[in-house]
Amino acid sequence: MTTAVEDARSSASAPSRFTGTGFLLSFYLRLDRIRIISWTLGFFLLIWASVIGMENAYPTPEALQGRATLMSNPAAVMMTGPAFALDNYTFGAMLANELALWVFLPTAIMSILLVVRHTRQEEESGRMEVLLALPVGRFAPITATMGIVAIANIAVSLAIILALFASGMTGIDSVAFGVAAGATGLAFGAIATLTAQLTEHGRTASGMAFGALGIAVIIRGIGDVINPEGSWLSWFSAIAWAQQTKLYVDLRWWPLTLSLALTIIVLIAAIRLNIRRDLGEGIRPTQPGPAEASTGLLSPIGIPRHLLTGNFVGWTIGVFIFAVAFGSLANSIDGMVEDNPAIGEWVPISLDDLTLSFAAIILAFLAIGPLILLVSAILHLKSEETEGRVGATIISGTPRTKVMTTWAGIALVYAIISMLFLGLGAGLGLSAATGNWSWTRELTSASAAYLPAIAVTGAIAFALYGITPRFTGMAWAFVTFIAIEVFLGDLLNLPQWLSNLSPIAHVPLVPWTDPAPLPLVVMTVFACLLALVGIAGFKRRNILNS
């Protein structure tokens, strides 16, 4: 009936199914201006700080050539990119080989989030039906969404180019770097537009698009391991197309035409699927659940366990694989540091005990993974509250305190398990590289030292959400700061007082240094106090949609 009314309205008053695209584009731009500005500034700072830091860490041709030895390791190729020009490893080649992937990935993530936000999530909430009641064509939301994604990617591309120029990397290759990032973002934005047509749930649409991104990264990695400069398999990945431009080595633009072609083809497919489905429905029908909920789902921990387990399993597997890969780099670290002792200015590597200090650095770097998992799981409560399920749970008789504590408890347990698996993975990789299997036990136990820091970060998110959902963006800003401090703090020469704001900065670099229990105890107590603040705030404020 909705479709019939819509068709009648369109034929009577709307000359085109694209009517209202300009209005929606302007509306979306107002909604997303802060997000786009934040992403743009974030990319500028990331590129600028990374280039400056890498220049300081590798100031000479000899140091760069020492770095090239690391790229001969298949694990390094899996985690970065193709290994171009290793025989004459210039600074530009290092940027293209090792930094580009970690620029293209966030661009794709930004595009996926923007697309799903303005398509499937709008339909799921019912707001899209309100929009289409206006003189707006059925295809206007898709077109306006890709328009806003294009604007965001253009802004990010310009930020990347300006950051490279500001750090001294001038020339056409720097322009190509920015264009490649934007082309990658558009391609995965189009993929997200397609997945939004397949399912009626925004979370599923995002998951499918992120799954496509993950598959692209894996295919690219395996293909580049087969041939360090890219094999036939690499060309099946949209990520590889951007990397195969051979930035700063032998620039070629034509691989980006593949990204453009994919964007156009997938968008056409998404529009055609949009014609075939009803508003609010997906092409793939939703399978009905069981007539009665399981007894486990009816318990206080049932719902958070059900909603958080899938993300926990996927995230933990990814963290574990990364930890194994990082650990396996141990057999390359000796040669790299021997050729470039200045690497100690970037990370606190001990020249006297390279393996031990390298193991400690692995844990510090990768602890960001479980930390993000915990914050994401806790802030998932915000969407549950917005959609009315938290209010319904409270109205049914569950105390507010139990709602908060059970959810946070499940999230914390999952983060603890993820961190321990991280230590296990790093230990297995290190053991395989060195032949000393005692590393597995040592790194698994050492990973527990990071649990208080992870708990404090999660407790900050918990407290902010408890006080008001509007503050939850501050939690992600804090996570971003922690990541910058961990990865780039030494290179950026951050003031000590600023570094001390990061909980991970207070964790001893175990197993390289002896564990100091006092900061760990203090952080644990502080996390408990913040949890009490969150509970108190949640008990006093109004619940959305209840």
Protein backbone atom coordinates (compact mmCIF):
# COMPACT_ATOMS: atom_id res chain seq x y z
CA MET A 1 0.00 0.00 0.00
CA THR A 2 2.85 2.34 0.85
CA THR A 3 4.40 1.64 -2.55
CA ALA A 4 1.11 2.26 -4.40
CA VAL A 5 0.53 5.56 -2.63
CA GLU A 6 4.11 6.56 -3.32
CA ASP A 7 3.84 5.70 -7.03
CA ALA A 8 0.59 7.67 -7.33
CA ARG A 9 2.13 10.64 -5.60
CA SER A 10 5.24 10.47 -7.76
CA SER A 11 3.30 10.35 -11.01
CA ALA A 12 1.11 13.24 -9.96
CA SER A 13 3.60 15.66 -8.48
CA ALA A 14 7.17 14.48 -9.05
CA PRO A 15 8.69 14.68 -12.53
CA SER A 16 11.53 12.34 -11.67
CA ARG A 17 12.59 9.71 -9.18
CA PHE A 18 15.63 11.91 -8.55
CA THR A 19 13.54 14.93 -7.55
CA GLY A 20 14.73 16.51 -4.31
CA THR A 21 18.31 15.28 -4.58
CA GLY A 22 19.70 18.78 -4.14
CA PHE A 23 17.51 19.41 -1.11
CA LEU A 24 18.57 16.14 0.53
CA LEU A 25 22.23 16.74 -0.28
CA SER A 26 22.07 20.11 1.46
CA PHE A 27 20.21 18.54 4.39
CA TYR A 28 22.72 15.69 4.76
CA LEU A 29 25.60 18.14 4.54
CA ARG A 30 24.19 20.10 7.47
CA LEU A 31 23.77 16.89 9.45
CA ASP A 32 27.27 15.60 8.71
CA ARG A 33 29.32 18.77 8.63
CA ILE A 34 30.92 18.07 12.02
CA ARG A 35 31.66 14.45 11.07
CA ILE A 36 33.21 15.42 7.76
CA ILE A 37 35.29 18.17 9.34
CA SER A 38 36.47 15.76 12.05
CA TRP A 39 37.42 13.09 9.53
CA THR A 40 39.21 15.66 7.37
CA LEU A 41 41.23 17.08 10.26
CA GLY A 42 41.97 13.57 11.48
CA PHE A 43 43.40 12.55 8.12
CA PHE A 44 45.47 15.71 7.88
CA LEU A 45 47.00 15.19 11.31
CA LEU A 46 47.52 11.45 10.73
CA ILE A 47 49.40 11.98 7.47
CA TRP A 48 51.39 14.97 8.63
CA ALA A 49 52.45 13.38 11.93
CA SER A 50 53.24 10.04 10.29
CA VAL A 51 55.43 11.57 7.59
CA ILE A 52 57.32 13.78 10.03
CA GLY A 53 57.76 10.89 12.44
CA MET A 54 59.00 8.50 9.77
CA GLU A 55 61.45 11.10 8.49
CA ASN A 56 62.90 11.41 11.97
CA ALA A 57 63.09 7.65 12.40
CA TYR A 58 64.73 7.01 9.01
CA PRO A 59 66.86 10.06 8.22
CA THR A 60 69.48 8.42 5.96
CA PRO A 61 69.50 6.16 2.90
CA GLU A 62 71.19 3.49 5.02
CA ALA A 63 68.37 3.61 7.55
CA LEU A 64 65.79 3.33 4.79
CA GLN A 65 67.57 0.35 3.29
CA GLY A 66 67.59 -1.28 6.70
CA ARG A 67 63.85 -0.75 6.86
CA ALA A 68 63.55 -2.51 3.52
CA THR A 69 64.73 -5.73 5.17
CA LEU A 70 61.52 -5.74 7.20
CA MET A 71 59.42 -5.67 4.03
CA SER A 72 61.03 -8.91 2.89
CA ASN A 73 59.03 -10.62 5.64
CA PRO A 74 55.67 -11.99 4.37
CA ALA A 75 53.97 -10.92 7.62
CA ALA A 76 55.03 -7.31 6.99
CA VAL A 77 53.66 -7.48 3.45
CA MET A 78 50.35 -8.84 4.76
CA MET A 79 49.99 -5.93 7.19
CA THR A 80 51.14 -3.10 4.93
CA GLY A 81 51.26 -3.43 1.18
CA PRO A 82 53.23 -4.47 -1.87
CA ALA A 83 57.01 -4.25 -1.57
CA PHE A 84 58.05 -1.96 -4.42
CA ALA A 85 61.64 -0.76 -4.97
CA LEU A 86 63.24 -2.66 -2.09
CA ASP A 87 66.63 -2.54 -3.82
CA ASN A 88 66.59 1.26 -3.68
CA TYR A 89 64.23 2.02 -0.81
CA THR A 90 63.44 5.71 -0.94
CA PHE A 91 61.37 7.56 1.62
CA GLY A 92 58.50 7.90 -0.85
CA ALA A 93 58.55 4.17 -1.55
CA MET A 94 58.36 3.51 2.18
CA LEU A 95 55.30 5.76 2.49
CA ALA A 96 53.57 4.05 -0.41
CA ASN A 97 54.43 0.53 0.72
CA GLU A 98 53.79 0.87 4.44
CA LEU A 99 51.50 3.84 5.12
CA ALA A 100 49.08 3.80 2.20
CA LEU A 101 47.01 0.83 3.41
CA TRP A 102 46.40 2.53 6.75
CA VAL A 103 45.16 5.62 4.91
CA PHE A 104 42.93 3.79 2.44
CA LEU A 105 41.27 1.66 5.14
CA PRO A 106 39.90 4.58 7.21
CA THR A 107 38.69 6.23 4.01
CA ALA A 108 36.67 3.13 3.17
CA ILE A 109 35.36 2.90 6.74
CA MET A 110 34.24 6.54 6.67
CA SER A 111 32.35 5.99 3.43
CA ILE A 112 30.62 2.83 4.67
CA LEU A 113 29.47 4.54 7.86
CA LEU A 114 28.13 7.58 5.99
CA VAL A 115 26.23 5.49 3.45
CA VAL A 116 24.54 3.16 5.93
CA ARG A 117 23.68 6.10 8.18
CA HIS A 118 21.72 7.86 5.42
CA THR A 119 20.16 4.81 3.76
CA ARG A 120 19.35 1.68 5.70
CA GLN A 121 19.41 3.26 9.16
CA GLU A 122 17.01 5.96 7.99
CA GLU A 123 14.62 3.33 6.64
CA GLU A 124 14.95 1.21 9.76
CA SER A 125 14.04 4.15 11.99
CA GLY A 126 11.07 5.18 9.83
CA ARG A 127 12.50 8.61 9.01
CA MET A 128 12.95 7.71 5.34
CA GLU A 129 9.20 7.26 4.94
CA VAL A 130 8.69 10.77 6.33
CA LEU A 131 11.23 12.14 3.84
CA LEU A 132 9.59 10.37 0.92
CA ALA A 133 6.24 11.88 1.93
CA LEU A 134 7.75 15.18 0.77
CA PRO A 135 8.18 15.93 -2.95
CA VAL A 136 11.25 13.68 -3.04
CA GLY A 137 11.93 10.94 -5.60
CA ARG A 138 12.65 7.37 -4.57
CA PHE A 139 16.24 7.53 -5.84
CA ALA A 140 16.99 10.93 -4.33
CA PRO A 141 18.21 9.51 -0.98
CA ILE A 142 20.71 7.17 -2.69
CA THR A 143 21.93 9.90 -5.02
CA ALA A 144 22.23 12.46 -2.22
CA THR A 145 24.00 9.91 -0.03
CA MET A 146 26.64 9.21 -2.66
CA GLY A 147 26.89 12.96 -3.14
CA ILE A 148 27.72 13.47 0.53
CA VAL A 149 30.17 10.56 0.36
CA ALA A 150 31.81 12.17 -2.66
CA ILE A 151 32.10 15.49 -0.81
CA ALA A 152 33.61 13.75 2.21
CA ASN A 153 36.13 11.87 0.08
CA ILE A 154 37.10 15.00 -1.84
CA ALA A 155 37.67 16.79 1.48
CA VAL A 156 39.75 13.89 2.79
CA SER A 157 41.72 13.66 -0.46
CA LEU A 158 42.57 17.36 -0.27
CA ALA A 159 43.55 16.97 3.39
CA ILE A 160 45.92 14.12 2.48
CA ILE A 161 47.47 16.13 -0.34
CA LEU A 162 47.89 19.23 1.84
CA ALA A 163 49.39 17.17 4.68
CA LEU A 164 51.91 15.58 2.32
CA PHE A 165 52.82 18.96 0.87
CA ALA A 166 53.10 20.47 4.36
CA SER A 167 55.52 17.73 5.38
CA GLY A 168 57.72 18.29 2.33
CA MET A 169 56.37 15.55 0.04
CA THR A 170 55.48 17.76 -2.91
CA GLY A 171 54.83 16.56 -6.43
CA ILE A 172 52.30 14.71 -8.53
CA ASP A 173 52.73 11.48 -6.54
CA SER A 174 51.33 13.19 -3.45
CA VAL A 175 48.33 14.32 -5.48
CA ALA A 176 47.88 10.74 -6.67
CA PHE A 177 48.04 9.54 -3.05
CA GLY A 178 45.05 11.69 -2.16
CA VAL A 179 43.13 10.77 -5.31
CA ALA A 180 43.73 7.05 -4.67
CA ALA A 181 42.35 7.38 -1.15
CA GLY A 182 39.25 9.16 -2.44
CA ALA A 183 38.70 6.59 -5.19
CA THR A 184 38.92 3.78 -2.65
CA GLY A 185 36.42 5.53 -0.41
CA LEU A 186 33.95 5.97 -3.27
CA ALA A 187 34.25 2.31 -4.25
CA PHE A 188 33.42 1.05 -0.78
CA GLY A 189 30.72 3.69 -0.39
CA ALA A 190 29.08 2.18 -3.47
CA ILE A 191 29.45 -1.31 -1.99
CA ALA A 192 27.73 -0.10 1.19
CA THR A 193 24.92 1.34 -0.94
CA LEU A 194 24.45 -2.12 -2.45
CA THR A 195 24.49 -3.96 0.90
CA ALA A 196 21.91 -1.47 2.20
CA GLN A 197 19.50 -2.82 -0.42
CA LEU A 198 20.03 -6.44 0.58
CA THR A 199 18.93 -6.35 4.20
CA GLU A 200 16.44 -4.42 6.28
CA HIS A 201 18.81 -3.86 9.21
CA GLY A 202 21.47 -1.15 9.30
CA ARG A 203 23.82 -3.19 11.45
CA THR A 204 23.70 -6.10 9.00
CA ALA A 205 24.27 -3.76 6.04
CA SER A 206 27.33 -2.31 7.77
CA GLY A 207 28.58 -5.78 8.64
CA MET A 208 28.28 -6.96 5.04
CA ALA A 209 30.12 -3.89 3.73
CA PHE A 210 32.86 -4.24 6.33
CA GLY A 211 33.05 -7.92 5.45
CA ALA A 212 33.67 -6.97 1.82
CA LEU A 213 36.39 -4.58 2.99
CA GLY A 214 37.99 -7.30 5.10
CA ILE A 215 37.93 -9.76 2.21
CA ALA A 216 39.55 -7.14 -0.04
CA VAL A 217 42.34 -6.63 2.50
CA ILE A 218 42.91 -10.38 2.89
CA ILE A 219 42.95 -11.00 -0.87
CA ARG A 220 45.39 -8.14 -1.33
CA GLY A 221 47.62 -9.49 1.44
CA ILE A 222 47.70 -13.06 0.13
CA GLY A 223 48.24 -11.84 -3.42
CA ASP A 224 51.17 -9.66 -2.39
CA VAL A 225 52.72 -12.51 -0.41
CA ILE A 226 52.59 -14.64 -3.57
CA ASN A 227 54.42 -11.85 -5.41
CA PRO A 228 55.74 -8.91 -3.32
CA GLU A 229 54.90 -6.47 -6.11
CA GLY A 230 51.41 -7.86 -6.63
CA SER A 231 50.24 -11.13 -8.15
CA TRP A 232 47.19 -11.93 -10.28
CA LEU A 233 45.23 -12.48 -7.06
CA SER A 234 45.96 -8.96 -5.83
CA TRP A 235 44.00 -7.51 -8.74
CA PHE A 236 40.77 -8.95 -7.35
CA SER A 237 40.97 -6.44 -4.46
CA ALA A 238 39.76 -2.84 -4.62
CA ILE A 239 42.38 -1.99 -1.99
CA ALA A 240 45.15 -3.31 -4.24
CA TRP A 241 44.07 -1.08 -7.12
CA ALA A 242 44.97 2.02 -5.14
CA GLN A 243 48.27 0.53 -4.00
CA GLN A 244 49.16 -0.58 -7.53
CA THR A 245 49.45 3.05 -8.62
CA LYS A 246 53.09 2.63 -7.51
CA LEU A 247 53.19 5.95 -5.70
CA TYR A 248 56.65 7.56 -5.51
CA VAL A 249 58.14 4.64 -7.48
CA ASP A 250 56.70 4.54 -11.00
CA LEU A 251 53.40 6.41 -10.89
CA ARG A 252 50.57 5.04 -12.98
CA TRP A 253 47.00 6.31 -12.87
CA TRP A 254 45.14 3.61 -14.77
CA PRO A 255 44.49 1.25 -11.79
CA LEU A 256 42.21 3.95 -10.37
CA THR A 257 39.92 3.55 -13.38
CA LEU A 258 39.09 0.13 -11.94
CA SER A 259 37.90 1.81 -8.74
CA LEU A 260 35.81 4.26 -10.75
CA ALA A 261 34.32 1.46 -12.86
CA LEU A 262 33.46 -0.58 -9.77
CA THR A 263 31.78 2.46 -8.21
CA ILE A 264 29.59 3.06 -11.26
CA ILE A 265 28.66 -0.60 -11.78
CA VAL A 266 27.80 -1.22 -8.14
CA LEU A 267 25.77 1.99 -7.91
CA ILE A 268 23.73 1.01 -10.95
CA ALA A 269 23.10 -2.38 -9.37
CA ALA A 270 22.07 -0.72 -6.09
CA ILE A 271 19.59 1.55 -7.87
CA ARG A 272 18.09 -1.38 -9.78
CA LEU A 273 17.68 -3.34 -6.55
CA ASN A 274 16.09 -0.29 -4.97
CA ILE A 275 13.41 -0.42 -7.67
CA ARG A 276 12.60 -4.04 -6.88
CA ARG A 277 12.04 -3.73 -3.14
CA ASP A 278 9.51 -2.04 -0.88
CA LEU A 279 10.50 0.76 1.43
CA GLY A 280 11.85 -0.64 4.68
CA GLU A 281 12.35 -4.12 3.23
CA GLY A 282 15.48 -5.78 1.92
CA ILE A 283 16.05 -7.92 -1.14
CA ARG A 284 17.13 -10.74 1.14
CA PRO A 285 14.08 -11.67 3.23
CA THR A 286 14.55 -11.70 6.97
CA GLN A 287 14.37 -15.21 8.35
CA PRO A 288 11.78 -15.53 11.11
CA GLY A 289 13.18 -16.36 14.50
CA PRO A 290 11.95 -19.10 16.79
CA ALA A 291 8.44 -18.74 18.16
CA GLU A 292 9.76 -18.60 21.71
CA ALA A 293 12.98 -17.08 23.01
CA SER A 294 15.51 -19.41 24.59
CA THR A 295 15.72 -19.37 28.36
CA GLY A 296 19.25 -17.96 28.12
CA LEU A 297 18.01 -14.95 26.16
CA LEU A 298 15.44 -14.20 28.85
CA SER A 299 18.09 -13.89 31.57
CA PRO A 300 19.56 -10.46 32.47
CA ILE A 301 22.80 -11.23 30.60
CA GLY A 302 21.07 -12.90 27.66
CA ILE A 303 20.45 -9.84 25.49
CA PRO A 304 23.93 -8.25 25.80
CA ARG A 305 25.56 -11.63 25.30
CA HIS A 306 23.44 -12.25 22.20
CA LEU A 307 24.13 -8.81 20.70
CA LEU A 308 27.82 -8.54 21.55
CA THR A 309 29.10 -12.05 20.91
CA GLY A 310 29.31 -11.84 17.11
CA ASN A 311 31.37 -8.66 17.17
CA PHE A 312 33.55 -10.07 19.95
CA VAL A 313 34.33 -13.26 18.03
CA GLY A 314 35.17 -11.43 14.80
CA TRP A 315 37.24 -8.78 16.55
CA THR A 316 39.15 -11.32 18.64
CA ILE A 317 39.98 -13.45 15.61
CA GLY A 318 41.28 -10.37 13.81
CA VAL A 319 43.35 -9.25 16.79
CA PHE A 320 44.76 -12.76 17.20
CA ILE A 321 45.83 -12.94 13.54
CA PHE A 322 47.46 -9.52 13.74
CA ALA A 323 49.27 -10.52 16.93
CA VAL A 324 50.64 -13.69 15.32
CA ALA A 325 51.79 -11.67 12.30
CA PHE A 326 53.47 -9.01 14.45
CA GLY A 327 55.16 -11.64 16.57
CA SER A 328 56.56 -13.38 13.52
CA LEU A 329 58.43 -10.17 12.62
CA ALA A 330 60.91 -10.91 15.41
CA ASN A 331 63.27 -12.64 13.00
CA SER A 332 63.55 -9.39 10.98
CA ILE A 333 63.99 -6.90 13.80
CA ASP A 334 67.69 -7.59 14.35
CA GLY A 335 68.70 -6.60 10.83
CA MET A 336 66.46 -3.55 10.78
CA VAL A 337 67.80 -2.13 14.05
CA GLU A 338 71.38 -2.98 13.13
CA ASP A 339 71.04 -0.89 9.97
CA ASN A 340 69.14 1.89 11.75
CA PRO A 341 69.90 2.32 15.47
CA ALA A 342 67.87 5.55 15.39
CA ILE A 343 64.74 3.39 15.44
CA GLY A 344 65.03 3.62 19.22
CA GLU A 345 63.84 7.22 18.95
CA TRP A 346 60.55 5.98 17.53
CA VAL A 347 59.87 3.07 19.85
CA PRO A 348 61.74 2.24 23.08
CA ILE A 349 63.64 -0.75 21.64
CA SER A 350 66.59 -1.95 23.70
CA LEU A 351 69.68 -2.70 21.64
CA ASP A 352 70.83 -5.09 24.38
CA ASP A 353 67.73 -7.28 24.29
CA LEU A 354 65.92 -6.70 21.03
CA THR A 355 63.53 -9.63 21.22
CA LEU A 356 62.36 -8.87 24.76
CA SER A 357 61.77 -5.17 24.12
CA PHE A 358 60.14 -5.94 20.76
CA ALA A 359 57.72 -8.31 22.50
CA ALA A 360 56.78 -5.58 24.97
CA ILE A 361 56.16 -3.08 22.16
CA ILE A 362 53.90 -5.57 20.37
CA LEU A 363 51.64 -5.81 23.42
CA ALA A 364 51.50 -2.03 23.87
CA PHE A 365 50.62 -1.40 20.22
CA LEU A 366 48.02 -4.14 19.88
CA ALA A 367 46.31 -3.44 23.21
CA ILE A 368 44.42 -0.74 21.30
CA GLY A 369 42.35 -3.55 19.72
CA PRO A 370 40.66 -4.92 22.88
CA LEU A 371 40.35 -1.33 24.13
CA ILE A 372 38.30 -0.38 21.06
CA LEU A 373 36.25 -3.56 21.45
CA LEU A 374 35.30 -2.61 25.02
CA VAL A 375 34.40 1.00 24.23
CA SER A 376 32.38 -0.07 21.19
CA ALA A 377 30.49 -2.70 23.20
CA ILE A 378 29.64 -0.28 26.00
CA LEU A 379 28.52 2.48 23.64
CA HIS A 380 26.32 -0.03 21.82
CA LEU A 381 23.95 0.70 24.70
CA LYS A 382 23.33 4.10 23.13
CA SER A 383 21.78 2.61 19.99
CA GLU A 384 19.80 0.17 22.13
CA GLU A 385 18.43 3.10 24.10
CA THR A 386 17.69 5.16 20.98
CA GLU A 387 15.72 2.28 19.49
CA GLY A 388 13.69 1.94 22.67
CA ARG A 389 14.89 -1.46 23.84
CA VAL A 390 16.63 -0.20 26.97
CA GLY A 391 13.47 1.62 28.03
CA ALA A 392 11.37 -1.47 27.36
CA THR A 393 13.72 -3.59 29.48
CA ILE A 394 13.47 -1.15 32.38
CA ILE A 395 9.68 -0.89 32.10
CA SER A 396 9.46 -4.69 32.25
CA GLY A 397 10.90 -4.57 35.76
CA THR A 398 14.67 -4.87 35.35
CA PRO A 399 16.42 -2.30 37.59
CA ARG A 400 18.48 0.34 35.83
CA THR A 401 21.58 -0.70 37.76
CA LYS A 402 21.27 -4.28 36.53
CA VAL A 403 20.83 -3.12 32.93
CA MET A 404 24.07 -1.14 33.11
CA THR A 405 26.16 -3.59 35.11
CA THR A 406 25.24 -6.71 33.16
CA TRP A 407 25.93 -5.02 29.84
CA ALA A 408 29.24 -3.56 30.99
CA GLY A 409 30.18 -6.84 32.67
CA ILE A 410 29.72 -8.86 29.48
CA ALA A 411 31.66 -6.23 27.51
CA LEU A 412 34.52 -6.28 30.01
CA VAL A 413 34.74 -10.08 30.04
CA TYR A 414 34.91 -10.11 26.25
CA ALA A 415 37.65 -7.44 26.26
CA ILE A 416 39.66 -9.46 28.81
CA ILE A 417 39.40 -12.61 26.70
CA SER A 418 40.37 -10.65 23.58
CA MET A 419 43.46 -9.21 25.30
CA LEU A 420 44.58 -12.62 26.53
CA PHE A 421 44.14 -14.06 23.04
CA LEU A 422 46.21 -11.15 21.76
CA GLY A 423 49.02 -12.13 24.11
CA LEU A 424 48.67 -15.76 23.07
CA GLY A 425 48.86 -14.83 19.38
CA ALA A 426 51.89 -12.60 19.85
CA GLY A 427 53.57 -15.35 21.85
CA LEU A 428 52.87 -17.98 19.19
CA GLY A 429 54.22 -15.73 16.44
CA LEU A 430 57.31 -14.86 18.43
CA SER A 431 57.88 -18.49 19.37
CA ALA A 432 57.59 -19.60 15.75
CA ALA A 433 60.07 -16.92 14.67
CA THR A 434 62.66 -17.58 17.39
CA GLY A 435 62.15 -21.27 18.08
CA ASN A 436 61.75 -20.53 21.80
CA TRP A 437 58.24 -21.64 22.79
CA SER A 438 58.45 -20.15 26.28
CA TRP A 439 57.41 -16.85 24.67
CA THR A 440 53.86 -18.15 24.34
CA ARG A 441 53.36 -18.48 28.08
CA GLU A 442 55.31 -15.31 28.88
CA LEU A 443 53.41 -12.99 26.54
CA THR A 444 50.03 -14.46 27.42
CA SER A 445 50.61 -13.68 31.10
CA ALA A 446 52.21 -10.29 30.33
CA SER A 447 49.13 -9.22 28.36
CA ALA A 448 47.14 -9.18 31.62
CA ALA A 449 49.07 -6.07 32.68
CA TYR A 450 47.04 -4.04 30.16
CA LEU A 451 43.66 -5.01 31.57
CA PRO A 452 43.46 -2.10 34.09
CA ALA A 453 44.23 0.44 31.34
CA ILE A 454 41.58 -1.11 29.11
CA ALA A 455 39.11 -1.11 32.01
CA VAL A 456 39.74 2.58 32.75
CA THR A 457 39.08 3.55 29.14
CA GLY A 458 35.89 1.50 29.10
CA ALA A 459 34.84 3.02 32.42
CA ILE A 460 35.25 6.52 30.98
CA ALA A 461 32.91 5.58 28.12
CA PHE A 462 30.56 3.98 30.66
CA ALA A 463 30.47 7.14 32.80
CA LEU A 464 29.94 9.45 29.81
CA TYR A 465 27.05 7.34 28.55
CA GLY A 466 25.55 7.11 32.02
CA ILE A 467 25.55 10.88 32.42
CA THR A 468 24.09 11.56 28.95
CA PRO A 469 24.31 9.79 25.56
CA ARG A 470 25.33 13.12 24.02
CA PHE A 471 28.77 12.79 25.62
CA THR A 472 29.65 9.45 24.03
CA GLY A 473 31.56 11.09 21.17
CA MET A 474 34.09 12.23 23.76
CA ALA A 475 34.88 8.58 24.48
CA TRP A 476 35.91 8.00 20.88
CA ALA A 477 37.98 11.18 20.92
CA PHE A 478 39.80 9.81 23.97
CA VAL A 479 40.40 6.47 22.22
CA THR A 480 41.84 8.35 19.25
CA PHE A 481 44.18 10.25 21.56
CA ILE A 482 45.34 7.00 23.20
CA ALA A 483 46.11 5.49 19.79
CA ILE A 484 48.08 8.58 18.72
CA GLU A 485 50.03 8.57 21.98
CA VAL A 486 50.87 4.87 21.67
CA PHE A 487 51.88 4.90 18.01
CA LEU A 488 53.31 8.39 17.55
CA GLY A 489 53.87 9.81 21.04
CA ASP A 490 57.66 9.51 21.01
CA LEU A 491 57.99 10.72 17.44
CA LEU A 492 55.80 13.77 18.09
CA ASN A 493 57.66 14.57 21.31
CA LEU A 494 54.41 14.96 23.21
CA PRO A 495 54.77 16.67 26.60
CA GLN A 496 54.98 14.22 29.47
CA TRP A 497 51.84 15.59 31.12
CA LEU A 498 49.91 14.98 27.90
CA SER A 499 51.25 11.45 27.49
CA ASN A 500 50.29 10.71 31.09
CA LEU A 501 46.63 11.21 30.18
CA SER A 502 46.77 7.91 28.31
CA PRO A 503 46.09 4.91 30.57
CA ILE A 504 48.41 2.73 28.48
CA ALA A 505 51.29 5.11 29.26
CA HIS A 506 51.09 3.94 32.88
CA VAL A 507 51.42 0.24 32.05
CA PRO A 508 54.97 -1.11 32.47
CA LEU A 509 56.45 -2.46 29.24
CA VAL A 510 56.20 -6.07 30.32
CA PRO A 511 57.90 -8.49 29.87
CA TRP A 512 60.82 -6.18 29.09
CA THR A 513 60.51 -4.30 32.40
CA ASP A 514 59.41 -5.53 35.79
CA PRO A 515 55.69 -5.04 36.48
CA ALA A 516 54.91 -2.14 38.82
CA PRO A 517 51.70 -2.99 40.70
CA LEU A 518 50.89 0.50 42.03
CA PRO A 519 49.73 2.15 38.76
CA LEU A 520 47.75 -0.96 37.88
CA VAL A 521 45.98 -0.93 41.24
CA VAL A 522 45.29 2.82 40.98
CA MET A 523 43.78 2.41 37.51
CA THR A 524 41.61 -0.47 38.71
CA VAL A 525 40.25 1.60 41.59
CA PHE A 526 39.72 4.58 39.29
CA ALA A 527 37.79 2.37 36.85
CA CYS A 528 35.49 1.24 39.68
CA LEU A 529 34.84 4.85 40.72
CA LEU A 530 34.03 5.85 37.15
CA ALA A 531 31.62 2.92 36.91
CA LEU A 532 29.81 4.21 39.99
CA VAL A 533 29.58 7.65 38.38
CA GLY A 534 28.06 6.10 35.26
CA ILE A 535 25.50 4.12 37.25
CA ALA A 536 24.53 7.15 39.32
CA GLY A 537 24.08 9.28 36.21
CA PHE A 538 22.03 6.61 34.44
CA LYS A 539 19.70 6.21 37.44
CA ARG A 540 18.94 9.93 37.52
CA ARG A 541 18.50 10.86 33.86
CA ASN A 542 15.61 10.31 31.48
CA ILE A 543 15.73 7.28 29.20
CA LEU A 544 15.23 7.94 25.50
CA ASN A 545 12.12 6.49 23.84
CA SER A 546 10.83 4.89 27.04
